[in-house]
N, C-alpha and C. Protein backbone atom coordinates (compact mmCIF):
# COMPACT_ATOMS: atom_id res chain seq x y z
N MET A 1 37.19 31.86 67.24
CA MET A 1 37.80 31.39 66.01
C MET A 1 37.14 30.07 65.63
N LYS A 2 36.79 29.95 64.37
CA LYS A 2 36.16 28.71 63.95
C LYS A 2 37.21 27.65 63.69
N LYS A 3 36.85 26.44 64.01
CA LYS A 3 37.74 25.31 63.75
C LYS A 3 37.49 24.81 62.34
N GLN A 4 38.54 24.63 61.58
CA GLN A 4 38.41 24.07 60.25
C GLN A 4 38.35 22.55 60.37
N ILE A 5 37.58 21.94 59.52
CA ILE A 5 37.54 20.48 59.47
C ILE A 5 38.56 20.04 58.43
N ILE A 6 39.54 19.31 58.88
CA ILE A 6 40.60 18.84 58.01
C ILE A 6 40.14 17.52 57.40
N THR A 7 40.14 17.44 56.11
CA THR A 7 39.71 16.23 55.44
C THR A 7 40.87 15.61 54.67
N TYR A 8 40.64 14.41 54.22
CA TYR A 8 41.64 13.78 53.37
C TYR A 8 41.84 14.60 52.10
N GLU A 9 40.77 15.23 51.64
CA GLU A 9 40.87 16.06 50.44
C GLU A 9 41.88 17.20 50.65
N THR A 10 41.85 17.81 51.83
CA THR A 10 42.80 18.88 52.15
C THR A 10 44.23 18.35 52.10
N LEU A 11 44.44 17.19 52.71
CA LEU A 11 45.77 16.58 52.73
C LEU A 11 46.22 16.20 51.32
N ILE A 12 45.30 15.72 50.51
CA ILE A 12 45.63 15.36 49.12
C ILE A 12 46.04 16.60 48.34
N LYS A 13 45.34 17.72 48.53
CA LYS A 13 45.69 18.97 47.84
C LYS A 13 47.10 19.42 48.22
N ILE A 14 47.39 19.37 49.52
CA ILE A 14 48.71 19.80 49.99
C ILE A 14 49.80 18.88 49.46
N THR A 15 49.61 17.57 49.59
CA THR A 15 50.65 16.64 49.13
C THR A 15 50.81 16.70 47.63
N GLY A 16 49.71 16.92 46.90
CA GLY A 16 49.81 17.05 45.45
C GLY A 16 50.65 18.25 45.05
N ALA A 17 50.44 19.37 45.73
CA ALA A 17 51.22 20.58 45.44
C ALA A 17 52.68 20.37 45.79
N ILE A 18 52.94 19.80 46.96
CA ILE A 18 54.32 19.58 47.40
C ILE A 18 55.04 18.60 46.48
N SER A 19 54.35 17.52 46.09
CA SER A 19 55.02 16.48 45.31
C SER A 19 55.35 16.91 43.88
N SER A 20 54.69 17.95 43.39
CA SER A 20 54.95 18.39 42.02
C SER A 20 56.09 19.41 41.92
N ILE A 21 56.65 19.79 43.06
CA ILE A 21 57.69 20.83 43.09
C ILE A 21 59.07 20.19 43.29
N ARG A 22 60.06 20.70 42.59
CA ARG A 22 61.43 20.18 42.71
C ARG A 22 62.37 21.14 43.45
N ASP A 23 61.89 22.34 43.71
CA ASP A 23 62.71 23.35 44.38
C ASP A 23 62.39 23.36 45.87
N PRO A 24 63.37 23.11 46.74
CA PRO A 24 63.09 23.05 48.18
C PRO A 24 62.50 24.34 48.75
N GLU A 25 62.89 25.49 48.20
CA GLU A 25 62.33 26.76 48.68
C GLU A 25 60.84 26.85 48.39
N GLU A 26 60.44 26.40 47.22
CA GLU A 26 59.02 26.39 46.87
C GLU A 26 58.25 25.40 47.72
N VAL A 27 58.86 24.24 47.99
CA VAL A 27 58.21 23.21 48.82
C VAL A 27 57.86 23.78 50.19
N VAL A 28 58.81 24.46 50.83
CA VAL A 28 58.54 24.97 52.17
C VAL A 28 57.54 26.12 52.14
N LEU A 29 57.58 26.95 51.10
CA LEU A 29 56.61 28.04 50.98
C LEU A 29 55.19 27.51 50.80
N VAL A 30 55.03 26.54 49.93
CA VAL A 30 53.70 25.94 49.71
C VAL A 30 53.22 25.27 51.00
N THR A 31 54.12 24.64 51.72
CA THR A 31 53.76 23.96 52.97
C THR A 31 53.19 24.92 53.99
N VAL A 32 53.92 26.01 54.29
CA VAL A 32 53.45 26.91 55.35
C VAL A 32 52.16 27.62 54.96
N GLU A 33 52.04 27.99 53.69
CA GLU A 33 50.81 28.64 53.25
C GLU A 33 49.63 27.67 53.32
N SER A 34 49.86 26.43 52.92
CA SER A 34 48.79 25.42 52.93
C SER A 34 48.33 25.09 54.34
N VAL A 35 49.26 24.94 55.26
CA VAL A 35 48.89 24.61 56.64
C VAL A 35 48.13 25.78 57.26
N LYS A 36 48.61 27.00 57.06
CA LYS A 36 47.92 28.17 57.60
C LYS A 36 46.50 28.25 57.08
N THR A 37 46.35 28.06 55.79
CA THR A 37 45.03 28.14 55.16
C THR A 37 44.12 26.99 55.61
N ALA A 38 44.66 25.78 55.64
CA ALA A 38 43.85 24.61 56.00
C ALA A 38 43.33 24.70 57.43
N LEU A 39 44.15 25.19 58.35
CA LEU A 39 43.73 25.29 59.75
C LEU A 39 43.07 26.63 60.06
N ASP A 40 43.15 27.58 59.14
CA ASP A 40 42.60 28.92 59.34
C ASP A 40 43.16 29.55 60.62
N VAL A 41 44.51 29.61 60.69
CA VAL A 41 45.22 30.13 61.86
C VAL A 41 45.96 31.41 61.49
N LYS A 42 46.59 32.02 62.48
CA LYS A 42 47.33 33.27 62.28
C LYS A 42 48.53 33.07 61.36
N GLY A 43 49.31 32.02 61.59
CA GLY A 43 50.51 31.82 60.80
C GLY A 43 51.10 30.44 60.94
N CYS A 44 52.09 30.18 60.10
CA CYS A 44 52.80 28.90 60.12
C CYS A 44 54.24 29.17 59.69
N THR A 45 55.18 28.53 60.38
CA THR A 45 56.60 28.70 60.05
C THR A 45 57.27 27.34 60.01
N LEU A 46 58.15 27.16 59.03
CA LEU A 46 58.96 25.97 58.93
C LEU A 46 60.40 26.35 59.23
N PHE A 47 60.97 25.68 60.22
CA PHE A 47 62.36 25.92 60.63
C PHE A 47 63.21 24.72 60.24
N LEU A 48 64.46 24.99 59.88
CA LEU A 48 65.45 23.94 59.68
C LEU A 48 66.57 24.16 60.69
N ILE A 49 67.11 23.08 61.21
CA ILE A 49 68.15 23.17 62.23
C ILE A 49 69.51 23.39 61.58
N ASN A 50 70.23 24.39 62.08
CA ASN A 50 71.63 24.60 61.71
C ASN A 50 72.45 23.79 62.71
N ARG A 51 73.05 22.72 62.27
CA ARG A 51 73.78 21.81 63.17
C ARG A 51 75.00 22.47 63.83
N LYS A 52 75.58 23.44 63.16
CA LYS A 52 76.78 24.09 63.73
C LYS A 52 76.44 25.00 64.90
N THR A 53 75.28 25.69 64.82
CA THR A 53 74.94 26.67 65.85
C THR A 53 73.80 26.21 66.77
N ASN A 54 73.16 25.08 66.44
CA ASN A 54 71.97 24.61 67.16
C ASN A 54 70.83 25.62 67.10
N GLU A 55 70.80 26.43 66.06
CA GLU A 55 69.73 27.40 65.90
C GLU A 55 68.71 26.88 64.90
N LEU A 56 67.47 27.28 65.13
CA LEU A 56 66.41 27.01 64.18
C LEU A 56 66.39 28.18 63.20
N LYS A 57 66.61 27.91 61.94
CA LYS A 57 66.62 28.94 60.91
C LYS A 57 65.30 28.89 60.16
N ILE A 58 64.72 30.03 59.91
CA ILE A 58 63.44 30.09 59.21
C ILE A 58 63.68 29.74 57.74
N ALA A 59 63.00 28.69 57.29
CA ALA A 59 63.05 28.32 55.89
C ALA A 59 61.91 29.00 55.13
N ALA A 60 60.74 29.11 55.80
CA ALA A 60 59.58 29.78 55.21
C ALA A 60 58.58 30.10 56.32
N SER A 61 57.85 31.19 56.11
CA SER A 61 56.82 31.58 57.06
C SER A 61 55.69 32.25 56.30
N TYR A 62 54.49 32.11 56.85
CA TYR A 62 53.32 32.71 56.21
C TYR A 62 52.39 33.21 57.32
N GLY A 63 52.04 34.50 57.27
CA GLY A 63 51.07 35.06 58.20
C GLY A 63 51.66 35.80 59.39
N LEU A 64 52.98 35.79 59.54
CA LEU A 64 53.63 36.47 60.66
C LEU A 64 54.42 37.67 60.15
N SER A 65 54.56 38.70 61.00
CA SER A 65 55.25 39.93 60.60
C SER A 65 56.77 39.73 60.54
N GLN A 66 57.43 40.59 59.77
CA GLN A 66 58.89 40.57 59.71
C GLN A 66 59.50 40.91 61.06
N ASN A 67 58.85 41.81 61.81
CA ASN A 67 59.35 42.14 63.15
C ASN A 67 59.41 40.90 64.02
N TYR A 68 58.37 40.09 63.99
CA TYR A 68 58.35 38.88 64.81
C TYR A 68 59.39 37.88 64.30
N LEU A 69 59.46 37.72 63.00
CA LEU A 69 60.39 36.75 62.44
C LEU A 69 61.85 37.14 62.70
N ASN A 70 62.12 38.44 62.84
CA ASN A 70 63.48 38.94 63.07
C ASN A 70 63.76 39.20 64.55
N LYS A 71 63.02 38.59 65.45
CA LYS A 71 63.14 38.86 66.89
C LYS A 71 64.47 38.45 67.49
N GLY A 72 65.18 37.56 66.86
CA GLY A 72 66.47 37.12 67.38
C GLY A 72 66.70 35.66 67.05
N PRO A 73 67.91 35.16 67.33
CA PRO A 73 68.22 33.75 67.04
C PRO A 73 67.36 32.82 67.89
N ILE A 74 66.91 31.75 67.27
CA ILE A 74 66.07 30.78 67.98
C ILE A 74 66.92 29.56 68.28
N ASN A 75 67.20 29.37 69.55
CA ASN A 75 68.04 28.26 70.00
C ASN A 75 67.18 27.00 70.09
N SER A 76 67.58 25.96 69.38
CA SER A 76 66.79 24.72 69.38
C SER A 76 66.78 24.04 70.74
N LEU A 77 67.71 24.41 71.61
CA LEU A 77 67.77 23.82 72.94
C LEU A 77 66.91 24.59 73.94
N LYS A 78 66.44 25.79 73.56
CA LYS A 78 65.65 26.63 74.47
C LYS A 78 64.22 26.83 74.01
N SER A 79 63.99 26.90 72.72
CA SER A 79 62.69 27.28 72.19
C SER A 79 61.82 26.05 71.91
N ILE A 80 60.93 25.77 72.82
CA ILE A 80 60.04 24.61 72.74
C ILE A 80 60.86 23.37 72.39
N ALA A 81 61.96 23.19 73.10
CA ALA A 81 62.91 22.12 72.81
C ALA A 81 62.29 20.73 72.89
N LYS A 82 61.31 20.54 73.75
CA LYS A 82 60.69 19.22 73.90
C LYS A 82 60.09 18.73 72.59
N SER A 83 59.61 19.66 71.74
CA SER A 83 59.01 19.22 70.48
C SER A 83 60.05 18.61 69.56
N LEU A 84 61.30 19.00 69.74
CA LEU A 84 62.36 18.44 68.91
C LEU A 84 62.86 17.12 69.48
N GLU A 85 62.68 16.92 70.79
CA GLU A 85 63.16 15.71 71.45
C GLU A 85 62.09 14.64 71.54
N GLU A 86 60.87 15.04 71.89
CA GLU A 86 59.85 14.06 72.25
C GLU A 86 58.63 14.06 71.35
N GLY A 87 58.56 14.95 70.38
CA GLY A 87 57.38 14.99 69.51
C GLY A 87 56.60 16.28 69.69
N PRO A 88 55.38 16.30 69.19
CA PRO A 88 54.59 17.53 69.18
C PRO A 88 54.39 18.13 70.57
N VAL A 89 54.43 19.47 70.60
CA VAL A 89 54.15 20.21 71.83
C VAL A 89 53.13 21.30 71.49
N ALA A 90 52.05 21.34 72.27
CA ALA A 90 51.03 22.37 72.09
C ALA A 90 51.08 23.30 73.30
N ILE A 91 51.14 24.59 73.03
CA ILE A 91 51.13 25.60 74.08
C ILE A 91 49.83 26.38 73.96
N TYR A 92 49.00 26.27 74.97
CA TYR A 92 47.69 26.92 74.95
C TYR A 92 47.81 28.42 75.17
N ASP A 93 48.68 28.84 76.11
CA ASP A 93 48.80 30.25 76.48
C ASP A 93 50.26 30.68 76.45
N VAL A 94 50.66 31.40 75.39
CA VAL A 94 52.06 31.79 75.24
C VAL A 94 52.51 32.76 76.33
N SER A 95 51.56 33.47 76.95
CA SER A 95 51.93 34.46 77.97
C SER A 95 52.31 33.80 79.29
N ASP A 96 52.02 32.51 79.42
CA ASP A 96 52.26 31.83 80.69
C ASP A 96 52.92 30.47 80.48
N ASP A 97 53.96 30.43 79.64
CA ASP A 97 54.62 29.16 79.38
C ASP A 97 56.13 29.35 79.32
N PRO A 98 56.87 28.68 80.21
CA PRO A 98 58.32 28.86 80.28
C PRO A 98 59.10 28.25 79.12
N ARG A 99 58.44 27.47 78.27
CA ARG A 99 59.14 26.82 77.16
C ARG A 99 59.43 27.75 76.00
N LEU A 100 58.84 28.94 76.01
CA LEU A 100 59.07 29.89 74.91
C LEU A 100 60.33 30.71 75.16
N GLN A 101 61.08 30.92 74.13
CA GLN A 101 62.30 31.72 74.22
C GLN A 101 61.98 33.21 74.16
N TYR A 102 60.94 33.59 73.41
CA TYR A 102 60.58 35.00 73.23
C TYR A 102 59.08 35.21 73.52
N PRO A 103 58.64 35.04 74.77
CA PRO A 103 57.21 35.18 75.07
C PRO A 103 56.67 36.59 74.87
N GLU A 104 57.45 37.61 75.18
CA GLU A 104 56.98 38.99 75.02
C GLU A 104 56.74 39.32 73.55
N GLU A 105 57.65 38.87 72.69
CA GLU A 105 57.51 39.12 71.26
C GLU A 105 56.29 38.39 70.71
N ALA A 106 56.03 37.18 71.23
CA ALA A 106 54.85 36.43 70.79
C ALA A 106 53.57 37.18 71.16
N LYS A 107 53.53 37.72 72.38
CA LYS A 107 52.35 38.49 72.80
C LYS A 107 52.17 39.74 71.94
N LYS A 108 53.28 40.45 71.66
CA LYS A 108 53.20 41.64 70.82
C LYS A 108 52.70 41.31 69.41
N GLU A 109 53.05 40.12 68.92
CA GLU A 109 52.63 39.69 67.59
C GLU A 109 51.16 39.28 67.57
N GLY A 110 50.59 39.10 68.75
CA GLY A 110 49.19 38.68 68.82
C GLY A 110 49.02 37.18 68.76
N ILE A 111 50.06 36.47 69.15
CA ILE A 111 50.01 35.00 69.16
C ILE A 111 49.48 34.55 70.52
N ALA A 112 48.51 33.65 70.49
CA ALA A 112 47.93 33.13 71.73
C ALA A 112 48.40 31.71 72.01
N SER A 113 48.41 30.86 70.97
CA SER A 113 48.77 29.45 71.13
C SER A 113 49.73 29.03 70.02
N ILE A 114 50.54 28.00 70.33
CA ILE A 114 51.50 27.48 69.35
C ILE A 114 51.48 25.96 69.39
N LEU A 115 51.56 25.37 68.20
CA LEU A 115 51.78 23.93 68.08
C LEU A 115 53.11 23.75 67.36
N SER A 116 54.01 22.99 67.96
CA SER A 116 55.32 22.74 67.35
C SER A 116 55.48 21.24 67.12
N VAL A 117 55.81 20.89 65.87
CA VAL A 117 55.94 19.49 65.48
C VAL A 117 57.31 19.29 64.83
N PRO A 118 58.04 18.23 65.21
CA PRO A 118 59.34 18.00 64.60
C PRO A 118 59.23 17.53 63.15
N ILE A 119 60.26 17.84 62.37
CA ILE A 119 60.37 17.33 61.00
C ILE A 119 61.58 16.40 60.99
N GLU A 120 61.32 15.15 60.64
CA GLU A 120 62.38 14.15 60.61
C GLU A 120 62.50 13.54 59.22
N VAL A 121 63.73 13.18 58.89
CA VAL A 121 64.01 12.47 57.64
C VAL A 121 64.94 11.32 57.99
N HIS A 122 64.53 10.11 57.64
CA HIS A 122 65.33 8.90 57.92
C HIS A 122 65.72 8.82 59.40
N GLY A 123 64.82 9.22 60.28
CA GLY A 123 65.08 9.16 61.71
C GLY A 123 65.94 10.29 62.25
N ASN A 124 66.33 11.22 61.38
CA ASN A 124 67.15 12.37 61.79
C ASN A 124 66.30 13.63 61.84
N LEU A 125 66.41 14.36 62.92
CA LEU A 125 65.67 15.60 63.08
C LEU A 125 66.29 16.67 62.18
N ILE A 126 65.45 17.29 61.33
CA ILE A 126 65.98 18.35 60.45
C ILE A 126 65.35 19.71 60.73
N GLY A 127 64.23 19.72 61.48
CA GLY A 127 63.59 21.00 61.74
C GLY A 127 62.29 20.86 62.50
N ALA A 128 61.48 21.93 62.40
CA ALA A 128 60.19 21.96 63.08
C ALA A 128 59.18 22.73 62.25
N LEU A 129 57.94 22.31 62.33
CA LEU A 129 56.82 23.00 61.70
C LEU A 129 55.97 23.55 62.84
N ARG A 130 55.79 24.87 62.86
CA ARG A 130 55.04 25.50 63.95
C ARG A 130 53.82 26.23 63.42
N VAL A 131 52.73 26.07 64.17
CA VAL A 131 51.45 26.70 63.86
C VAL A 131 51.15 27.70 64.96
N TYR A 132 50.74 28.91 64.58
CA TYR A 132 50.47 30.00 65.53
C TYR A 132 49.02 30.44 65.40
N THR A 133 48.35 30.61 66.54
CA THR A 133 46.95 31.07 66.52
C THR A 133 46.85 32.43 67.20
N SER A 134 45.82 33.19 66.83
CA SER A 134 45.61 34.51 67.44
C SER A 134 44.65 34.43 68.62
N GLN A 135 43.96 33.31 68.75
CA GLN A 135 43.07 33.07 69.89
C GLN A 135 43.56 31.82 70.61
N PRO A 136 43.35 31.71 71.92
CA PRO A 136 43.72 30.46 72.61
C PRO A 136 43.06 29.27 71.91
N TRP A 137 43.83 28.24 71.68
CA TRP A 137 43.37 27.11 70.89
C TRP A 137 43.79 25.82 71.57
N GLU A 138 42.81 24.99 71.88
CA GLU A 138 43.08 23.64 72.36
C GLU A 138 43.28 22.79 71.12
N PHE A 139 44.52 22.49 70.78
CA PHE A 139 44.78 21.69 69.59
C PHE A 139 44.23 20.29 69.80
N THR A 140 43.43 19.83 68.85
CA THR A 140 42.85 18.50 68.93
C THR A 140 43.84 17.47 68.41
N LEU A 141 43.54 16.22 68.67
CA LEU A 141 44.37 15.15 68.14
C LEU A 141 44.39 15.21 66.61
N GLU A 142 43.25 15.58 66.02
CA GLU A 142 43.18 15.70 64.56
C GLU A 142 44.10 16.81 64.06
N ASP A 143 44.13 17.95 64.77
CA ASP A 143 45.03 19.05 64.40
C ASP A 143 46.48 18.58 64.43
N VAL A 144 46.83 17.93 65.54
CA VAL A 144 48.22 17.48 65.73
C VAL A 144 48.58 16.44 64.66
N ASN A 145 47.69 15.48 64.43
CA ASN A 145 47.96 14.45 63.42
C ASN A 145 48.11 15.05 62.03
N PHE A 146 47.28 16.03 61.71
CA PHE A 146 47.37 16.70 60.41
C PHE A 146 48.72 17.38 60.24
N VAL A 147 49.13 18.16 61.24
CA VAL A 147 50.40 18.89 61.15
C VAL A 147 51.57 17.90 61.13
N GLN A 148 51.47 16.82 61.90
CA GLN A 148 52.52 15.80 61.87
C GLN A 148 52.62 15.15 60.49
N ALA A 149 51.48 14.85 59.88
CA ALA A 149 51.49 14.24 58.55
C ALA A 149 52.15 15.18 57.54
N VAL A 150 51.79 16.46 57.59
CA VAL A 150 52.38 17.43 56.68
C VAL A 150 53.89 17.55 56.94
N ALA A 151 54.29 17.55 58.22
CA ALA A 151 55.71 17.64 58.57
C ALA A 151 56.49 16.45 58.00
N GLN A 152 55.92 15.25 58.07
CA GLN A 152 56.59 14.08 57.51
C GLN A 152 56.70 14.18 56.00
N ILE A 153 55.63 14.62 55.37
CA ILE A 153 55.62 14.75 53.92
C ILE A 153 56.62 15.80 53.46
N VAL A 154 56.64 16.96 54.13
CA VAL A 154 57.57 18.01 53.72
C VAL A 154 59.01 17.58 53.98
N GLY A 155 59.24 16.81 55.04
CA GLY A 155 60.59 16.28 55.29
C GLY A 155 61.06 15.41 54.14
N MET A 156 60.17 14.52 53.68
CA MET A 156 60.52 13.67 52.54
C MET A 156 60.73 14.49 51.27
N ALA A 157 59.87 15.50 51.07
CA ALA A 157 59.99 16.34 49.88
C ALA A 157 61.30 17.12 49.87
N ILE A 158 61.69 17.67 51.02
CA ILE A 158 62.97 18.39 51.12
C ILE A 158 64.12 17.44 50.80
N ASP A 159 64.05 16.24 51.35
CA ASP A 159 65.09 15.24 51.12
C ASP A 159 65.16 14.87 49.64
N LEU A 160 64.01 14.69 49.00
CA LEU A 160 63.99 14.35 47.56
C LEU A 160 64.52 15.51 46.71
N CYS A 161 64.19 16.73 47.10
CA CYS A 161 64.72 17.89 46.36
C CYS A 161 66.24 17.94 46.45
N ARG A 162 66.74 17.68 47.64
CA ARG A 162 68.21 17.68 47.82
C ARG A 162 68.85 16.58 46.98
N LEU A 163 68.25 15.39 47.00
CA LEU A 163 68.78 14.28 46.21
C LEU A 163 68.73 14.62 44.73
N ASN A 164 67.62 15.19 44.27
CA ASN A 164 67.45 15.56 42.87
C ASN A 164 68.52 16.55 42.44
N LYS A 165 68.77 17.55 43.28
CA LYS A 165 69.82 18.54 42.95
C LYS A 165 71.19 17.86 42.94
N GLY A 166 71.42 16.93 43.86
CA GLY A 166 72.68 16.19 43.91
C GLY A 166 72.88 15.35 42.67
N TYR A 167 71.83 14.67 42.23
CA TYR A 167 71.92 13.86 41.02
C TYR A 167 72.20 14.72 39.81
N LYS A 168 71.53 15.85 39.70
CA LYS A 168 71.76 16.74 38.56
C LYS A 168 73.20 17.23 38.55
N SER A 169 73.73 17.59 39.72
CA SER A 169 75.13 18.03 39.80
C SER A 169 76.07 16.91 39.40
N SER A 170 75.80 15.69 39.87
CA SER A 170 76.65 14.55 39.53
C SER A 170 76.64 14.27 38.04
N ILE A 171 75.48 14.36 37.42
CA ILE A 171 75.38 14.12 35.98
C ILE A 171 76.17 15.18 35.22
N GLU A 172 76.06 16.44 35.64
CA GLU A 172 76.81 17.50 34.97
C GLU A 172 78.31 17.29 35.12
N ILE A 173 78.74 16.87 36.28
CA ILE A 173 80.17 16.60 36.50
C ILE A 173 80.62 15.45 35.62
N LEU A 174 79.82 14.39 35.55
CA LEU A 174 80.17 13.25 34.71
C LEU A 174 80.24 13.64 33.24
N LYS A 175 79.33 14.49 32.80
CA LYS A 175 79.34 14.94 31.41
C LYS A 175 80.63 15.68 31.08
N THR A 176 81.10 16.49 32.01
CA THR A 176 82.33 17.26 31.75
C THR A 176 83.56 16.37 31.82
N MET A 177 83.45 15.24 32.50
CA MET A 177 84.60 14.34 32.63
C MET A 177 84.71 13.37 31.45
N ARG A 178 83.66 13.24 30.68
CA ARG A 178 83.62 12.29 29.58
C ARG A 178 84.59 12.74 28.48
N ASP A 179 85.44 11.84 28.08
CA ASP A 179 86.41 12.15 27.03
C ASP A 179 85.79 11.73 25.69
N PRO A 180 85.49 12.70 24.83
CA PRO A 180 84.84 12.37 23.55
C PRO A 180 85.67 11.44 22.68
N LYS A 181 86.98 11.41 22.86
CA LYS A 181 87.85 10.55 22.03
C LYS A 181 87.62 9.07 22.33
N LEU A 182 87.19 8.80 23.58
CA LEU A 182 86.99 7.41 23.97
C LEU A 182 85.62 6.87 23.55
N LEU A 183 84.70 7.76 23.19
CA LEU A 183 83.37 7.33 22.78
C LEU A 183 83.41 6.86 21.34
N LYS A 184 82.81 5.72 21.08
CA LYS A 184 82.76 5.19 19.72
C LYS A 184 81.43 5.61 19.11
N SER A 185 81.50 6.13 17.91
CA SER A 185 80.24 6.49 17.25
C SER A 185 79.72 5.27 16.50
N ALA A 186 78.43 5.10 16.60
CA ALA A 186 77.84 3.92 16.00
C ALA A 186 77.46 4.14 14.57
């Protein structure tokens, strides 16, 4: 597998696309597709943590089969949990790593290596961005830094989308509460 050279231009294209979108679903879709394409890997998935169940829920994925994505609930305490606690985790060989929750399914999908990076907003963990390769891959510091940068950017974008939707809802509520009799016409 050839290694892609990640440039600032690549990062600018991704951040430009993400920053122009106001819909969180579109933000995560553009993110996973962009990371997969930029690194020329098998797939990329963005997970968000469900605080009630401690499960990682798929927000968006690109390049992986529905069978693999539907393999079962992903427990944030079992599935590459260190990446959520301590930062990025790279797994060179999925067939021989105890940190995976579903190693057999990963092998069936043709996944050889995984990079998992946490997504944080305001110091709070909200999810993970994972990169999957079809060939064993020694993730370089540049690979890890690139995925971490994208994870930080997408975290901020998701947060801004949520705030934007909240502001719009608040404005609509305020508009309905306004009493036209109290407004003075100029």
